[in-house]
Amino acid sequence: MIFGPPGSGKSTLATKLSQLKGIPVYHLDKIYMSAGWKKRNFDHFLADLKEILTKDEWIVDGNGRDTLEMRYQLADIAIYCHPPLTKCIY
């Protein structure tokens, strides 16, 4: 699992790790939001995320505090991206 502040490179790192290791990547923003960046029903989002987390291999990037502990408990590795704030803003 990869988490950290907005603009810290979570999605970029997740995509590169996925390409390097051949592990599927799932971006929380894409799971939680529907067309037009509208929030999905939280229960539907949670069901989809739980299904992903039952797979043998996955990379999930995003913050989603409501699901952070669940992902942390099931992850083999947790990566916290924390570059300087000025780099995130840039």
Protein backbone atom coordinates (compact mmCIF):
# COMPACT_ATOMS: atom_id res chain seq x y z
CA MET A 1 0.00 0.00 0.00
CA ILE A 2 1.17 3.50 -0.77
CA PHE A 3 -0.12 6.59 0.99
CA GLY A 4 0.89 10.19 1.63
CA PRO A 5 -0.18 13.77 1.00
CA PRO A 6 -1.69 14.91 -2.31
CA GLY A 7 0.97 15.49 -4.95
CA SER A 8 3.56 13.32 -3.21
CA GLY A 9 3.93 10.87 -6.10
CA LYS A 10 1.80 7.98 -4.81
CA SER A 11 0.17 7.17 -8.14
CA THR A 12 3.40 7.54 -10.09
CA LEU A 13 5.24 5.23 -7.71
CA ALA A 14 2.36 2.71 -7.72
CA THR A 15 2.30 2.63 -11.52
CA LYS A 16 6.07 2.18 -11.78
CA LEU A 17 6.08 -0.60 -9.17
CA SER A 18 3.21 -2.30 -11.00
CA GLN A 19 5.13 -2.22 -14.27
CA LEU A 20 8.35 -3.41 -12.62
CA LYS A 21 6.83 -6.24 -10.57
CA GLY A 22 3.80 -7.17 -12.68
CA ILE A 23 1.45 -6.60 -9.75
CA PRO A 24 -1.93 -5.00 -10.50
CA VAL A 25 -2.33 -1.44 -9.26
CA TYR A 26 -5.55 0.10 -7.96
CA HIS A 27 -5.91 3.82 -7.36
CA LEU A 28 -8.37 4.67 -4.57
CA ASP A 29 -9.49 7.82 -6.40
CA LYS A 30 -10.56 5.74 -9.40
CA ILE A 31 -12.38 3.23 -7.21
CA TYR A 32 -14.12 5.86 -5.06
CA MET A 33 -15.11 8.28 -7.80
CA SER A 34 -17.44 7.63 -10.73
CA ALA A 35 -17.69 9.44 -14.08
CA GLY A 36 -17.42 13.19 -13.70
CA TRP A 37 -15.53 12.77 -10.41
CA LYS A 38 -18.71 12.18 -8.43
CA LYS A 39 -18.41 10.26 -5.17
CA ARG A 40 -19.77 6.72 -5.30
CA ASN A 41 -21.88 5.20 -2.58
CA PHE A 42 -19.40 4.42 0.22
CA ASP A 43 -20.74 0.89 0.78
CA HIS A 44 -20.29 0.06 -2.92
CA PHE A 45 -16.77 1.50 -2.84
CA LEU A 46 -15.97 -0.48 0.29
CA ALA A 47 -17.25 -3.73 -1.24
CA ASP A 48 -15.07 -3.18 -4.33
CA LEU A 49 -12.02 -2.39 -2.20
CA LYS A 50 -12.54 -5.45 0.00
CA GLU A 51 -12.70 -7.61 -3.14
CA ILE A 52 -9.40 -6.14 -4.35
CA LEU A 53 -7.76 -6.76 -0.97
CA THR A 54 -8.66 -10.47 -1.09
CA LYS A 55 -6.42 -10.94 -4.13
CA ASP A 56 -2.99 -12.49 -3.70
CA GLU A 57 -1.19 -9.42 -5.03
CA TRP A 58 -2.16 -5.79 -5.24
CA ILE A 59 -0.81 -2.28 -5.05
CA VAL A 60 -3.31 0.24 -3.72
CA ASP A 61 -2.43 3.90 -3.64
CA GLY A 62 -4.34 6.66 -1.94
CA ASN A 63 -5.15 8.07 1.45
CA GLY A 64 -8.75 7.19 2.26
CA ARG A 65 -8.48 7.41 6.04
CA ASP A 66 -11.65 5.34 6.44
CA THR A 67 -9.89 2.34 4.89
CA LEU A 68 -6.29 3.01 5.93
CA GLU A 69 -6.26 0.56 8.83
CA MET A 70 -7.93 -2.20 6.77
CA ARG A 71 -5.35 -1.83 3.99
CA TYR A 72 -2.49 -1.61 6.48
CA GLN A 73 -3.50 -4.86 8.17
CA LEU A 74 -3.57 -6.73 4.85
CA ALA A 75 -0.51 -5.17 3.20
CA ASP A 76 2.89 -6.85 3.14
CA ILE A 77 4.56 -3.48 2.66
CA ALA A 78 3.39 0.06 3.47
CA ILE A 79 5.10 2.99 1.79
CA TYR A 80 4.54 6.52 3.06
CA CYS A 81 5.47 9.18 0.51
CA HIS A 82 6.45 12.35 2.31
CA PRO A 83 8.40 14.80 0.13
CA PRO A 84 8.76 18.45 1.13
CA LEU A 85 5.48 20.39 0.96
CA THR A 86 6.89 22.72 -1.72
CA LYS A 87 7.47 19.74 -4.00
CA CYS A 88 3.88 18.51 -3.47
CA ILE A 89 2.49 21.93 -4.30
CA TYR A 90 4.69 22.24 -7.41
